[in-house]
Amino acid sequence: MIKVTRTQEPAYLKSRANGWLKDLRKARQNNDTVAYNKAIAKYASHHVRDALDKMFSGKCAYCESLIAVVATAHIEHFRPKQKYPSLTFTWTNLLLGCPTCNDGAHKGTKFPKARDNGPFIDPATEDPLDHIEFFYDPLSRLALARAKTLRGQLMIETFGLNVRPDLLRFRSTYIRTLLAIKPDELVNPEYAELLADARTDRTPYHAWIQALAL
């Protein structure tokens, strides 16, 4: 999980958001479920998804996995649209998420308040490094996350950053490979190229790459 700079709101969303919100509120006032479901789904445009995909370099805002390799990215509402419908079409409330981080077993519709160690960390407005330490444990050979704050612990637990088997395996293998080739970077051009690519924020698990100075 890394800090991301929010890009400009897509023109497609900017020109339509207010009208969509009016339709949503009208459907809600009229208790019209069909109209409400139709209105609330309008955020799911490829224009919005493409803008978020570019902003997050195709990675999940929370676990930093490359999404398109194995799934379709979700347009994730930082503050859940079920609880904050007025933010359904607000650009600053939208992130890119993988299906696992966004499912009911993980974030889902949760949005804890301060009394419950919340709120969640929005990587477009806060630096996750203020709350989470990213490190490699040579004994377990795992790339892990460790909380610096209660909010950091909430993120680690909610998104299963240290317990999801596939995530842990792929992330640790990738980081372990980079650690193995780093000593020969200066004498092996191919290793140097791989490490140079890894140092860009477009690569998965960049939080660990930064923390380990790879």
N, C-alpha and C. Protein backbone atom coordinates (compact mmCIF):
# COMPACT_ATOMS: atom_id res chain seq x y z
N MET A 1 0.86 -1.19 0.00
CA MET A 1 0.00 0.00 0.00
C MET A 1 0.89 1.23 0.00
N ILE A 2 0.73 2.07 -1.00
CA ILE A 2 1.57 3.25 -1.13
C ILE A 2 0.70 4.50 -1.33
N LYS A 3 1.32 5.63 -1.03
CA LYS A 3 0.66 6.92 -1.28
C LYS A 3 0.52 7.13 -2.78
N VAL A 4 -0.66 7.55 -3.20
CA VAL A 4 -0.95 7.78 -4.61
C VAL A 4 -1.46 9.20 -4.79
N THR A 5 -1.02 9.85 -5.85
CA THR A 5 -1.50 11.20 -6.15
C THR A 5 -2.78 11.11 -6.97
N ARG A 6 -3.83 11.72 -6.45
CA ARG A 6 -5.11 11.66 -7.18
C ARG A 6 -5.04 12.50 -8.45
N THR A 7 -5.49 11.91 -9.52
CA THR A 7 -5.48 12.59 -10.81
C THR A 7 -6.75 13.43 -10.97
N GLN A 8 -6.81 14.17 -12.05
CA GLN A 8 -7.96 15.04 -12.32
C GLN A 8 -9.21 14.21 -12.57
N GLU A 9 -10.32 14.70 -12.10
CA GLU A 9 -11.60 14.01 -12.29
C GLU A 9 -11.90 13.85 -13.78
N PRO A 10 -12.28 12.65 -14.20
CA PRO A 10 -12.61 12.45 -15.62
C PRO A 10 -13.76 13.36 -16.05
N ALA A 11 -13.64 13.93 -17.22
CA ALA A 11 -14.67 14.84 -17.72
C ALA A 11 -16.02 14.15 -17.79
N TYR A 12 -16.01 12.86 -18.13
CA TYR A 12 -17.25 12.09 -18.24
C TYR A 12 -18.00 12.09 -16.91
N LEU A 13 -17.28 11.88 -15.82
CA LEU A 13 -17.89 11.85 -14.50
C LEU A 13 -18.29 13.25 -14.04
N LYS A 14 -17.41 14.20 -14.27
CA LYS A 14 -17.64 15.57 -13.82
C LYS A 14 -18.91 16.16 -14.42
N SER A 15 -19.18 15.84 -15.67
CA SER A 15 -20.33 16.42 -16.36
C SER A 15 -21.65 15.71 -16.03
N ARG A 16 -21.56 14.55 -15.39
CA ARG A 16 -22.77 13.76 -15.15
C ARG A 16 -23.08 13.52 -13.68
N ALA A 17 -22.11 13.69 -12.80
CA ALA A 17 -22.26 13.31 -11.39
C ALA A 17 -23.46 13.97 -10.72
N ASN A 18 -23.65 15.26 -10.92
CA ASN A 18 -24.76 15.96 -10.25
C ASN A 18 -26.11 15.44 -10.72
N GLY A 19 -26.25 15.19 -12.01
CA GLY A 19 -27.50 14.66 -12.53
C GLY A 19 -27.78 13.26 -12.02
N TRP A 20 -26.74 12.44 -11.96
CA TRP A 20 -26.89 11.08 -11.44
C TRP A 20 -27.32 11.11 -9.97
N LEU A 21 -26.73 12.03 -9.21
CA LEU A 21 -27.06 12.13 -7.79
C LEU A 21 -28.51 12.57 -7.60
N LYS A 22 -28.99 13.47 -8.44
CA LYS A 22 -30.39 13.89 -8.38
C LYS A 22 -31.32 12.71 -8.65
N ASP A 23 -30.96 11.90 -9.66
CA ASP A 23 -31.77 10.72 -9.99
C ASP A 23 -31.78 9.74 -8.82
N LEU A 24 -30.62 9.59 -8.18
CA LEU A 24 -30.50 8.67 -7.06
C LEU A 24 -31.37 9.12 -5.88
N ARG A 25 -31.31 10.39 -5.57
CA ARG A 25 -32.10 10.92 -4.46
C ARG A 25 -33.59 10.84 -4.74
N LYS A 26 -33.96 11.11 -5.98
CA LYS A 26 -35.38 11.04 -6.35
C LYS A 26 -35.90 9.62 -6.21
N ALA A 27 -35.12 8.65 -6.68
CA ALA A 27 -35.54 7.25 -6.58
C ALA A 27 -35.66 6.83 -5.12
N ARG A 28 -34.75 7.32 -4.30
CA ARG A 28 -34.78 6.98 -2.88
C ARG A 28 -36.00 7.60 -2.20
N GLN A 29 -36.30 8.85 -2.52
CA GLN A 29 -37.47 9.52 -1.95
C GLN A 29 -38.77 8.83 -2.35
N ASN A 30 -38.79 8.32 -3.59
CA ASN A 30 -39.99 7.65 -4.10
C ASN A 30 -40.04 6.18 -3.72
N ASN A 31 -39.00 5.73 -3.01
CA ASN A 31 -38.92 4.32 -2.63
C ASN A 31 -39.02 3.40 -3.84
N ASP A 32 -38.41 3.84 -4.93
CA ASP A 32 -38.44 3.10 -6.20
C ASP A 32 -37.15 2.29 -6.32
N THR A 33 -37.23 1.02 -5.95
CA THR A 33 -36.03 0.17 -5.91
C THR A 33 -35.40 -0.01 -7.28
N VAL A 34 -36.23 -0.21 -8.29
CA VAL A 34 -35.71 -0.41 -9.65
C VAL A 34 -34.94 0.82 -10.12
N ALA A 35 -35.55 1.99 -9.95
CA ALA A 35 -34.91 3.24 -10.37
C ALA A 35 -33.66 3.52 -9.53
N TYR A 36 -33.72 3.17 -8.25
CA TYR A 36 -32.57 3.39 -7.36
C TYR A 36 -31.39 2.54 -7.79
N ASN A 37 -31.63 1.26 -8.04
CA ASN A 37 -30.55 0.36 -8.46
C ASN A 37 -29.96 0.78 -9.80
N LYS A 38 -30.81 1.27 -10.68
CA LYS A 38 -30.34 1.75 -11.98
C LYS A 38 -29.48 3.00 -11.81
N ALA A 39 -29.92 3.90 -10.94
CA ALA A 39 -29.21 5.16 -10.73
C ALA A 39 -27.86 4.95 -10.04
N ILE A 40 -27.84 4.09 -9.04
CA ILE A 40 -26.62 3.93 -8.25
C ILE A 40 -25.52 3.20 -9.02
N ALA A 41 -25.90 2.51 -10.09
CA ALA A 41 -24.92 1.75 -10.87
C ALA A 41 -24.22 2.59 -11.94
N LYS A 42 -24.64 3.83 -12.10
CA LYS A 42 -24.11 4.64 -13.20
C LYS A 42 -22.63 5.02 -13.03
N TYR A 43 -22.12 4.92 -11.80
CA TYR A 43 -20.69 5.22 -11.60
C TYR A 43 -19.80 4.21 -12.31
N ALA A 44 -20.34 3.01 -12.56
CA ALA A 44 -19.53 1.90 -13.09
C ALA A 44 -19.32 2.02 -14.60
N SER A 45 -18.75 3.12 -15.01
CA SER A 45 -18.46 3.38 -16.42
C SER A 45 -17.00 3.06 -16.70
N HIS A 46 -16.73 2.63 -17.92
CA HIS A 46 -15.34 2.33 -18.28
C HIS A 46 -14.50 3.60 -18.26
N HIS A 47 -15.13 4.76 -18.43
CA HIS A 47 -14.40 6.02 -18.36
C HIS A 47 -13.82 6.22 -16.95
N VAL A 48 -14.63 5.91 -15.95
CA VAL A 48 -14.20 6.05 -14.56
C VAL A 48 -13.18 4.97 -14.22
N ARG A 49 -13.47 3.74 -14.62
CA ARG A 49 -12.56 2.63 -14.34
C ARG A 49 -11.19 2.86 -14.98
N ASP A 50 -11.20 3.32 -16.22
CA ASP A 50 -9.93 3.55 -16.92
C ASP A 50 -9.10 4.64 -16.22
N ALA A 51 -9.78 5.68 -15.75
CA ALA A 51 -9.07 6.76 -15.05
C ALA A 51 -8.46 6.26 -13.75
N LEU A 52 -9.20 5.43 -13.03
CA LEU A 52 -8.68 4.87 -11.78
C LEU A 52 -7.57 3.87 -12.05
N ASP A 53 -7.72 3.10 -13.12
CA ASP A 53 -6.68 2.13 -13.48
C ASP A 53 -5.36 2.85 -13.76
N LYS A 54 -5.45 3.97 -14.44
CA LYS A 54 -4.24 4.75 -14.73
C LYS A 54 -3.67 5.36 -13.45
N MET A 55 -4.54 5.87 -12.61
CA MET A 55 -4.11 6.51 -11.36
C MET A 55 -3.39 5.53 -10.44
N PHE A 56 -3.88 4.29 -10.39
CA PHE A 56 -3.30 3.29 -9.50
C PHE A 56 -2.38 2.31 -10.23
N SER A 57 -2.06 2.60 -11.48
CA SER A 57 -1.18 1.74 -12.28
C SER A 57 -1.68 0.30 -12.31
N GLY A 58 -3.01 0.14 -12.32
CA GLY A 58 -3.59 -1.18 -12.42
C GLY A 58 -3.53 -2.00 -11.15
N LYS A 59 -3.14 -1.37 -10.04
CA LYS A 59 -2.98 -2.10 -8.78
C LYS A 59 -4.11 -1.78 -7.81
N CYS A 60 -4.40 -2.76 -6.96
CA CYS A 60 -5.38 -2.55 -5.90
C CYS A 60 -4.85 -1.49 -4.93
N ALA A 61 -5.71 -0.56 -4.55
CA ALA A 61 -5.31 0.52 -3.65
C ALA A 61 -4.88 -0.01 -2.29
N TYR A 62 -5.35 -1.20 -1.94
CA TYR A 62 -5.10 -1.73 -0.60
C TYR A 62 -4.00 -2.79 -0.54
N CYS A 63 -4.06 -3.81 -1.39
CA CYS A 63 -3.06 -4.89 -1.32
C CYS A 63 -1.95 -4.74 -2.34
N GLU A 64 -2.09 -3.83 -3.27
CA GLU A 64 -1.08 -3.53 -4.29
C GLU A 64 -0.84 -4.67 -5.29
N SER A 65 -1.79 -5.56 -5.41
CA SER A 65 -1.67 -6.61 -6.43
C SER A 65 -2.10 -6.06 -7.78
N LEU A 66 -1.47 -6.55 -8.85
CA LEU A 66 -1.91 -6.21 -10.20
C LEU A 66 -3.22 -6.94 -10.46
N ILE A 67 -4.27 -6.20 -10.72
CA ILE A 67 -5.61 -6.80 -10.75
C ILE A 67 -5.93 -7.48 -12.07
N ALA A 68 -5.66 -6.82 -13.18
CA ALA A 68 -6.13 -7.30 -14.49
C ALA A 68 -5.56 -8.66 -14.88
N VAL A 69 -4.47 -9.08 -14.24
CA VAL A 69 -3.87 -10.37 -14.55
C VAL A 69 -4.83 -11.51 -14.23
N VAL A 70 -5.63 -11.34 -13.17
CA VAL A 70 -6.48 -12.44 -12.72
C VAL A 70 -7.95 -12.07 -12.56
N ALA A 71 -8.30 -10.79 -12.64
CA ALA A 71 -9.69 -10.40 -12.37
C ALA A 71 -10.01 -9.04 -12.98
N THR A 72 -11.29 -8.67 -12.89
CA THR A 72 -11.71 -7.34 -13.30
C THR A 72 -11.67 -6.42 -12.10
N ALA A 73 -11.05 -5.27 -12.26
CA ALA A 73 -10.93 -4.33 -11.15
C ALA A 73 -12.29 -3.78 -10.74
N HIS A 74 -12.44 -3.53 -9.45
CA HIS A 74 -13.64 -2.90 -8.93
C HIS A 74 -13.43 -1.40 -8.77
N ILE A 75 -14.46 -0.63 -9.07
CA ILE A 75 -14.46 0.78 -8.70
C ILE A 75 -14.89 0.81 -7.24
N GLU A 76 -13.95 1.08 -6.36
CA GLU A 76 -14.16 0.95 -4.93
C GLU A 76 -14.56 2.28 -4.31
N HIS A 77 -15.61 2.26 -3.52
CA HIS A 77 -16.03 3.47 -2.80
C HIS A 77 -15.37 3.46 -1.43
N PHE A 78 -14.46 4.40 -1.20
CA PHE A 78 -13.75 4.45 0.08
C PHE A 78 -14.75 4.52 1.23
N ARG A 79 -15.65 5.48 1.15
CA ARG A 79 -16.80 5.47 2.06
C ARG A 79 -17.93 4.76 1.31
N PRO A 80 -18.39 3.63 1.84
CA PRO A 80 -19.33 2.78 1.11
C PRO A 80 -20.58 3.53 0.64
N LYS A 81 -20.95 3.27 -0.60
CA LYS A 81 -22.11 3.96 -1.17
C LYS A 81 -23.39 3.59 -0.47
N GLN A 82 -23.42 2.40 0.16
CA GLN A 82 -24.62 2.00 0.90
C GLN A 82 -24.85 2.88 2.13
N LYS A 83 -23.76 3.35 2.73
CA LYS A 83 -23.87 4.18 3.93
C LYS A 83 -23.73 5.67 3.62
N TYR A 84 -23.07 5.97 2.51
CA TYR A 84 -22.84 7.37 2.12
C TYR A 84 -23.28 7.56 0.67
N PRO A 85 -24.57 7.41 0.38
CA PRO A 85 -25.03 7.49 -1.02
C PRO A 85 -24.72 8.81 -1.70
N SER A 86 -24.61 9.89 -0.92
CA SER A 86 -24.31 11.19 -1.53
C SER A 86 -22.91 11.24 -2.12
N LEU A 87 -22.05 10.27 -1.76
CA LEU A 87 -20.68 10.22 -2.27
C LEU A 87 -20.50 9.17 -3.37
N THR A 88 -21.60 8.62 -3.84
CA THR A 88 -21.54 7.56 -4.85
C THR A 88 -20.79 7.98 -6.10
N PHE A 89 -20.96 9.22 -6.51
CA PHE A 89 -20.35 9.70 -7.76
C PHE A 89 -19.25 10.73 -7.52
N THR A 90 -18.78 10.82 -6.29
CA THR A 90 -17.74 11.79 -5.94
C THR A 90 -16.37 11.21 -6.26
N TRP A 91 -15.66 11.88 -7.14
CA TRP A 91 -14.36 11.38 -7.62
C TRP A 91 -13.39 11.10 -6.48
N THR A 92 -13.35 11.98 -5.48
CA THR A 92 -12.40 11.81 -4.38
C THR A 92 -12.76 10.66 -3.45
N ASN A 93 -13.90 10.03 -3.67
CA ASN A 93 -14.30 8.87 -2.87
C ASN A 93 -14.06 7.56 -3.62
N LEU A 94 -13.54 7.64 -4.83
CA LEU A 94 -13.37 6.44 -5.65
C LEU A 94 -11.91 5.99 -5.70
N LEU A 95 -11.72 4.68 -5.52
CA LEU A 95 -10.41 4.05 -5.59
C LEU A 95 -10.50 2.84 -6.51
N LEU A 96 -9.38 2.23 -6.81
CA LEU A 96 -9.36 0.99 -7.57
C LEU A 96 -9.12 -0.15 -6.59
N GLY A 97 -9.98 -1.17 -6.64
CA GLY A 97 -9.84 -2.28 -5.70
C GLY A 97 -9.92 -3.62 -6.39
N CYS A 98 -9.28 -4.61 -5.78
CA CYS A 98 -9.39 -5.98 -6.29
C CYS A 98 -10.65 -6.62 -5.70
N PRO A 99 -11.19 -7.65 -6.33
CA PRO A 99 -12.41 -8.28 -5.82
C PRO A 99 -12.27 -8.80 -4.39
N THR A 100 -11.09 -9.28 -4.01
CA THR A 100 -10.91 -9.83 -2.67
C THR A 100 -10.93 -8.74 -1.61
N CYS A 101 -10.16 -7.69 -1.80
CA CYS A 101 -10.15 -6.60 -0.81
C CYS A 101 -11.52 -5.96 -0.67
N ASN A 102 -12.30 -5.99 -1.74
CA ASN A 102 -13.60 -5.31 -1.75
C ASN A 102 -14.76 -6.21 -1.35
N ASP A 103 -14.48 -7.50 -1.08
CA ASP A 103 -15.60 -8.40 -0.78
C ASP A 103 -16.05 -8.27 0.67
N GLY A 104 -17.16 -8.94 0.98
CA GLY A 104 -17.76 -8.82 2.30
C GLY A 104 -16.91 -9.35 3.43
N ALA A 105 -16.00 -10.28 3.13
CA ALA A 105 -15.13 -10.83 4.16
C ALA A 105 -14.00 -9.87 4.53
N HIS A 106 -13.80 -8.87 3.71
CA HIS A 106 -12.73 -7.90 3.96
C HIS A 106 -13.34 -6.50 4.16
N LYS A 107 -13.21 -5.60 3.20
CA LYS A 107 -13.76 -4.26 3.43
C LYS A 107 -15.28 -4.22 3.29
N GLY A 108 -15.78 -4.72 2.15
CA GLY A 108 -17.22 -4.73 1.95
C GLY A 108 -17.84 -3.36 2.19
N THR A 109 -18.83 -3.32 3.06
CA THR A 109 -19.50 -2.05 3.39
C THR A 109 -19.01 -1.48 4.72
N LYS A 110 -17.90 -1.99 5.21
CA LYS A 110 -17.38 -1.51 6.50
C LYS A 110 -16.78 -0.12 6.35
N PHE A 111 -16.93 0.69 7.38
CA PHE A 111 -16.22 1.96 7.47
C PHE A 111 -16.21 2.38 8.94
N PRO A 112 -15.28 1.79 9.70
CA PRO A 112 -15.23 2.03 11.15
C PRO A 112 -14.90 3.48 11.49
N LYS A 113 -15.45 3.91 12.61
CA LYS A 113 -15.20 5.28 13.08
C LYS A 113 -14.00 5.28 14.03
N ALA A 114 -13.61 6.47 14.48
CA ALA A 114 -12.41 6.62 15.30
C ALA A 114 -12.48 5.77 16.57
N ARG A 115 -13.65 5.64 17.15
CA ARG A 115 -13.77 4.85 18.38
C ARG A 115 -13.49 3.37 18.13
N ASP A 116 -13.54 2.96 16.88
CA ASP A 116 -13.25 1.57 16.51
C ASP A 116 -11.92 1.47 15.76
N ASN A 117 -11.02 2.41 16.06
CA ASN A 117 -9.68 2.47 15.46
C ASN A 117 -9.70 2.89 13.99
N GLY A 118 -10.80 3.45 13.54
CA GLY A 118 -10.89 3.93 12.17
C GLY A 118 -10.54 5.40 12.09
N PRO A 119 -10.76 6.00 10.95
CA PRO A 119 -11.27 5.35 9.73
C PRO A 119 -10.16 4.62 8.98
N PHE A 120 -10.54 3.96 7.90
CA PHE A 120 -9.55 3.33 7.05
C PHE A 120 -8.60 4.39 6.48
N ILE A 121 -7.46 3.94 5.99
CA ILE A 121 -6.47 4.85 5.40
C ILE A 121 -6.73 4.96 3.91
N ASP A 122 -6.94 6.17 3.45
CA ASP A 122 -7.13 6.44 2.02
C ASP A 122 -5.76 6.78 1.43
N PRO A 123 -5.21 5.91 0.58
CA PRO A 123 -3.86 6.16 0.05
C PRO A 123 -3.77 7.37 -0.88
N ALA A 124 -4.91 7.94 -1.24
CA ALA A 124 -4.89 9.13 -2.08
C ALA A 124 -4.85 10.42 -1.25
N THR A 125 -5.01 10.29 0.07
CA THR A 125 -4.97 11.48 0.93
C THR A 125 -3.99 11.33 2.09
N GLU A 126 -3.60 10.10 2.42
CA GLU A 126 -2.68 9.85 3.52
C GLU A 126 -1.54 8.94 3.06
N ASP A 127 -0.43 9.00 3.77
CA ASP A 127 0.69 8.11 3.47
C ASP A 127 0.59 6.88 4.36
N PRO A 128 0.36 5.71 3.78
CA PRO A 128 0.27 4.48 4.58
C PRO A 128 1.51 4.23 5.43
N LEU A 129 2.67 4.76 5.01
CA LEU A 129 3.91 4.56 5.77
C LEU A 129 3.85 5.20 7.15
N ASP A 130 2.93 6.12 7.37
CA ASP A 130 2.76 6.70 8.69
C ASP A 130 2.10 5.72 9.65
N HIS A 131 1.51 4.68 9.11
CA HIS A 131 0.73 3.75 9.92
C HIS A 131 1.18 2.29 9.82
N ILE A 132 1.91 1.96 8.76
CA ILE A 132 2.28 0.57 8.52
C ILE A 132 3.76 0.48 8.14
N GLU A 133 4.44 -0.52 8.71
CA GLU A 133 5.83 -0.81 8.33
C GLU A 133 5.82 -2.04 7.43
N PHE A 134 6.55 -1.97 6.34
CA PHE A 134 6.62 -3.07 5.39
C PHE A 134 8.03 -3.67 5.47
N PHE A 135 8.12 -4.99 5.70
CA PHE A 135 9.43 -5.60 5.92
C PHE A 135 9.47 -7.03 5.40
N TYR A 136 10.68 -7.57 5.35
CA TYR A 136 10.88 -8.96 4.93
C TYR A 136 11.48 -9.73 6.11
N ASP A 137 10.86 -10.85 6.46
CA ASP A 137 11.33 -11.69 7.56
C ASP A 137 12.15 -12.84 6.98
N PRO A 138 13.47 -12.85 7.17
CA PRO A 138 14.31 -13.90 6.58
C PRO A 138 14.06 -15.28 7.16
N LEU A 139 13.55 -15.36 8.38
CA LEU A 139 13.30 -16.67 8.98
C LEU A 139 12.10 -17.36 8.32
N SER A 140 11.00 -16.63 8.19
CA SER A 140 9.81 -17.21 7.54
C SER A 140 9.87 -17.04 6.03
N ARG A 141 10.78 -16.17 5.56
CA ARG A 141 10.93 -15.85 4.14
C ARG A 141 9.65 -15.23 3.57
N LEU A 142 9.05 -14.37 4.38
CA LEU A 142 7.80 -13.74 3.99
C LEU A 142 7.93 -12.22 4.01
N ALA A 143 7.28 -11.57 3.04
CA ALA A 143 7.16 -10.12 3.01
C ALA A 143 5.90 -9.75 3.79
N LEU A 144 6.08 -9.06 4.91
CA LEU A 144 4.98 -8.85 5.84
C LEU A 144 4.75 -7.36 6.13
N ALA A 145 3.62 -7.09 6.77
CA ALA A 145 3.28 -5.74 7.20
C ALA A 145 3.14 -5.73 8.71
N ARG A 146 3.62 -4.65 9.33
CA ARG A 146 3.54 -4.53 10.78
C ARG A 146 2.97 -3.15 11.12
N ALA A 147 2.03 -3.13 12.05
CA ALA A 147 1.34 -1.88 12.38
C ALA A 147 2.20 -0.94 13.20
N LYS A 148 2.13 0.34 12.86
CA LYS A 148 2.73 1.40 13.67
C LYS A 148 1.67 2.08 14.52
N THR A 149 0.42 2.02 14.06
CA THR A 149 -0.69 2.67 14.75
C THR A 149 -1.89 1.72 14.77
N LEU A 150 -2.89 2.08 15.53
CA LEU A 150 -4.11 1.27 15.58
C LEU A 150 -4.82 1.26 14.23
N ARG A 151 -4.75 2.37 13.53
CA ARG A 151 -5.36 2.41 12.19
C ARG A 151 -4.60 1.51 11.23
N GLY A 152 -3.29 1.45 11.38
CA GLY A 152 -2.50 0.54 10.57
C GLY A 152 -2.88 -0.90 10.85
N GLN A 153 -3.08 -1.23 12.11
CA GLN A 153 -3.49 -2.59 12.48
C GLN A 153 -4.85 -2.92 11.88
N LEU A 154 -5.74 -1.94 11.90
CA LEU A 154 -7.07 -2.13 11.31
C LEU A 154 -6.95 -2.48 9.83
N MET A 155 -6.08 -1.78 9.12
CA MET A 155 -5.90 -2.05 7.69
C MET A 155 -5.34 -3.45 7.46
N ILE A 156 -4.32 -3.82 8.22
CA ILE A 156 -3.69 -5.13 8.06
C ILE A 156 -4.70 -6.25 8.31
N GLU A 157 -5.50 -6.10 9.35
CA GLU A 157 -6.47 -7.13 9.70
C GLU A 157 -7.65 -7.15 8.74
N THR A 158 -8.18 -5.99 8.41
CA THR A 158 -9.36 -5.93 7.53
C THR A 158 -9.07 -6.52 6.16
N PHE A 159 -7.91 -6.20 5.60
CA PHE A 159 -7.58 -6.65 4.25
C PHE A 159 -6.76 -7.94 4.22
N GLY A 160 -6.52 -8.50 5.39
CA GLY A 160 -5.81 -9.78 5.47
C GLY A 160 -4.42 -9.73 4.85
N LEU A 161 -3.72 -8.63 5.03
CA LEU A 161 -2.44 -8.44 4.35
C LEU A 161 -1.38 -9.47 4.73
N ASN A 162 -1.50 -10.05 5.92
CA ASN A 162 -0.51 -11.04 6.35
C ASN A 162 -1.04 -12.47 6.39
N VAL A 163 -2.29 -12.67 5.97
CA VAL A 163 -2.87 -14.01 6.13
C VAL A 163 -3.48 -14.60 4.87
N ARG A 164 -3.69 -13.82 3.84
CA ARG A 164 -4.27 -14.37 2.60
C ARG A 164 -3.20 -15.19 1.89
N PRO A 165 -3.39 -16.50 1.78
CA PRO A 165 -2.33 -17.39 1.28
C PRO A 165 -1.76 -17.01 -0.08
N ASP A 166 -2.63 -16.76 -1.07
CA ASP A 166 -2.13 -16.44 -2.41
C ASP A 166 -1.39 -15.11 -2.42
N LEU A 167 -1.95 -14.12 -1.76
CA LEU A 167 -1.31 -12.81 -1.68
C LEU A 167 0.06 -12.92 -1.03
N LEU A 168 0.11 -13.62 0.08
CA LEU A 168 1.36 -13.78 0.82
C LEU A 168 2.41 -14.51 -0.01
N ARG A 169 1.98 -15.54 -0.71
CA ARG A 169 2.92 -16.34 -1.51
C ARG A 169 3.47 -15.54 -2.69
N PHE A 170 2.59 -14.92 -3.47
CA PHE A 170 3.05 -14.18 -4.65
C PHE A 170 3.91 -12.98 -4.25
N ARG A 171 3.47 -12.26 -3.23
CA ARG A 171 4.22 -11.08 -2.79
C ARG A 171 5.60 -11.46 -2.26
N SER A 172 5.64 -12.49 -1.44
CA SER A 172 6.91 -12.90 -0.83
C SER A 172 7.87 -13.46 -1.87
N THR A 173 7.35 -14.22 -2.82
CA THR A 173 8.21 -14.77 -3.88
C THR A 173 8.82 -13.65 -4.71
N TYR A 174 8.02 -12.65 -5.02
CA TYR A 174 8.50 -11.52 -5.82
C TYR A 174 9.59 -10.75 -5.07
N ILE A 175 9.32 -10.42 -3.83
CA ILE A 175 10.30 -9.66 -3.04
C ILE A 175 11.55 -10.49 -2.80
N ARG A 176 11.39 -11.77 -2.53
CA ARG A 176 12.54 -12.65 -2.31
C ARG A 176 13.43 -12.73 -3.55
N THR A 177 12.80 -12.76 -4.72
CA THR A 177 13.56 -12.79 -5.97
C THR A 177 14.37 -11.52 -6.16
N LEU A 178 13.76 -10.38 -5.87
CA LEU A 178 14.48 -9.11 -6.00
C LEU A 178 15.64 -9.02 -5.01
N LEU A 179 15.43 -9.51 -3.80
CA LEU A 179 16.50 -9.52 -2.81
C LEU A 179 17.66 -10.40 -3.25
N ALA A 180 17.32 -11.51 -3.93
CA ALA A 180 18.35 -12.45 -4.36
C ALA A 180 19.22 -11.90 -5.48
N ILE A 181 18.63 -11.10 -6.37
CA ILE A 181 19.41 -10.61 -7.51
C ILE A 181 20.10 -9.27 -7.24
N LYS A 182 19.68 -8.58 -6.18
CA LYS A 182 20.24 -7.25 -5.93
C LYS A 182 21.76 -7.23 -5.77
N PRO A 183 22.39 -8.20 -5.07
CA PRO A 183 23.84 -8.15 -4.92
C PRO A 183 24.61 -8.16 -6.24
N ASP A 184 24.00 -8.70 -7.30
CA ASP A 184 24.68 -8.78 -8.60
C ASP A 184 24.19 -7.73 -9.59
N GLU A 185 23.50 -6.74 -9.09
CA GLU A 185 22.92 -5.71 -9.97
C GLU A 185 23.97 -5.02 -10.82
N LEU A 186 25.12 -4.72 -10.24
CA LEU A 186 26.14 -3.94 -10.96
C LEU A 186 26.89 -4.75 -12.00
N VAL A 187 26.82 -6.08 -11.92
CA VAL A 187 27.58 -6.91 -12.87
C VAL A 187 26.67 -7.67 -13.83
N ASN A 188 25.38 -7.59 -13.61
CA ASN A 188 24.44 -8.32 -14.46
C ASN A 188 23.42 -7.33 -15.03
N PRO A 189 23.54 -6.97 -16.29
CA PRO A 189 22.63 -5.98 -16.89
C PRO A 189 21.16 -6.39 -16.82
N GLU A 190 20.89 -7.68 -16.94
CA GLU A 190 19.49 -8.14 -16.88
C GLU A 190 18.92 -7.92 -15.49
N TYR A 191 19.70 -8.22 -14.46
CA TYR A 191 19.26 -7.98 -13.09
C TYR A 191 19.05 -6.48 -12.86
N ALA A 192 19.96 -5.68 -13.40
CA ALA A 192 19.86 -4.23 -13.24
C ALA A 192 18.56 -3.71 -13.86
N GLU A 193 18.21 -4.26 -15.02
CA GLU A 193 16.98 -3.84 -15.70
C GLU A 193 15.75 -4.25 -14.90
N LEU A 194 15.76 -5.47 -14.37
CA LEU A 194 14.63 -5.96 -13.57
C LEU A 194 14.44 -5.09 -12.32
N LEU A 195 15.53 -4.74 -11.68
CA LEU A 195 15.44 -3.92 -10.47
C LEU A 195 15.02 -2.50 -10.79
N ALA A 196 15.49 -1.98 -11.92
CA ALA A 196 15.08 -0.63 -12.34
C ALA A 196 13.58 -0.58 -12.58
N ASP A 197 13.05 -1.61 -13.22
CA ASP A 197 11.60 -1.68 -13.45
C ASP A 197 10.85 -1.78 -12.12
N ALA A 198 11.39 -2.57 -11.20
CA ALA A 198 10.74 -2.79 -9.91
C ALA A 198 10.67 -1.51 -9.08
N ARG A 199 11.59 -0.60 -9.31
CA ARG A 199 11.65 0.62 -8.51
C ARG A 199 10.63 1.67 -8.93
N THR A 200 9.95 1.45 -10.02
CA THR A 200 8.89 2.37 -10.43
C THR A 200 7.63 2.02 -9.65
N ASP A 201 6.80 3.02 -9.40
CA ASP A 201 5.60 2.75 -8.61
C ASP A 201 4.52 2.03 -9.40
N ARG A 202 4.84 1.64 -10.63
CA ARG A 202 3.89 0.87 -11.43
C ARG A 202 3.91 -0.62 -11.08
N THR A 203 4.94 -1.05 -10.36
CA THR A 203 5.09 -2.47 -10.05
C THR A 203 4.29 -2.85 -8.81
N PRO A 204 3.90 -4.12 -8.70
CA PRO A 204 3.16 -4.55 -7.51
C PRO A 204 4.04 -4.53 -6.27
N TYR A 205 3.42 -4.38 -5.12
CA TYR A 205 4.08 -4.48 -3.82
C TYR A 205 5.23 -3.47 -3.68
N HIS A 206 4.99 -2.29 -4.22
CA HIS A 206 6.04 -1.26 -4.22
C HIS A 206 6.36 -0.77 -2.81
N ALA A 207 5.42 -0.91 -1.90
CA ALA A 207 5.68 -0.50 -0.51
C ALA A 207 6.86 -1.27 0.06
N TRP A 208 6.96 -2.55 -0.26
CA TRP A 208 8.07 -3.37 0.22
C TRP A 208 9.37 -3.02 -0.50
N ILE A 209 9.26 -2.76 -1.79
CA ILE A 209 10.45 -2.40 -2.57
C ILE A 209 11.06 -1.11 -2.04
N GLN A 210 10.22 -0.15 -1.71
CA GLN A 210 10.71 1.11 -1.13
C GLN A 210 11.32 0.88 0.24
N ALA A 211 10.61 0.14 1.08
CA ALA A 211 11.06 -0.07 2.46
C ALA A 211 12.38 -0.82 2.53
N LEU A 212 12.59 -1.74 1.60
CA LEU A 212 13.81 -2.56 1.61
C LEU A 212 14.92 -1.95 0.77
N ALA A 213 14.66 -0.78 0.20
CA ALA A 213 15.65 -0.08 -0.63
C ALA A 213 16.20 -0.98 -1.72
N LEU A 214 15.32 -1.66 -2.41
CA LEU A 214 15.74 -2.58 -3.47
C LEU A 214 16.07 -1.83 -4.75
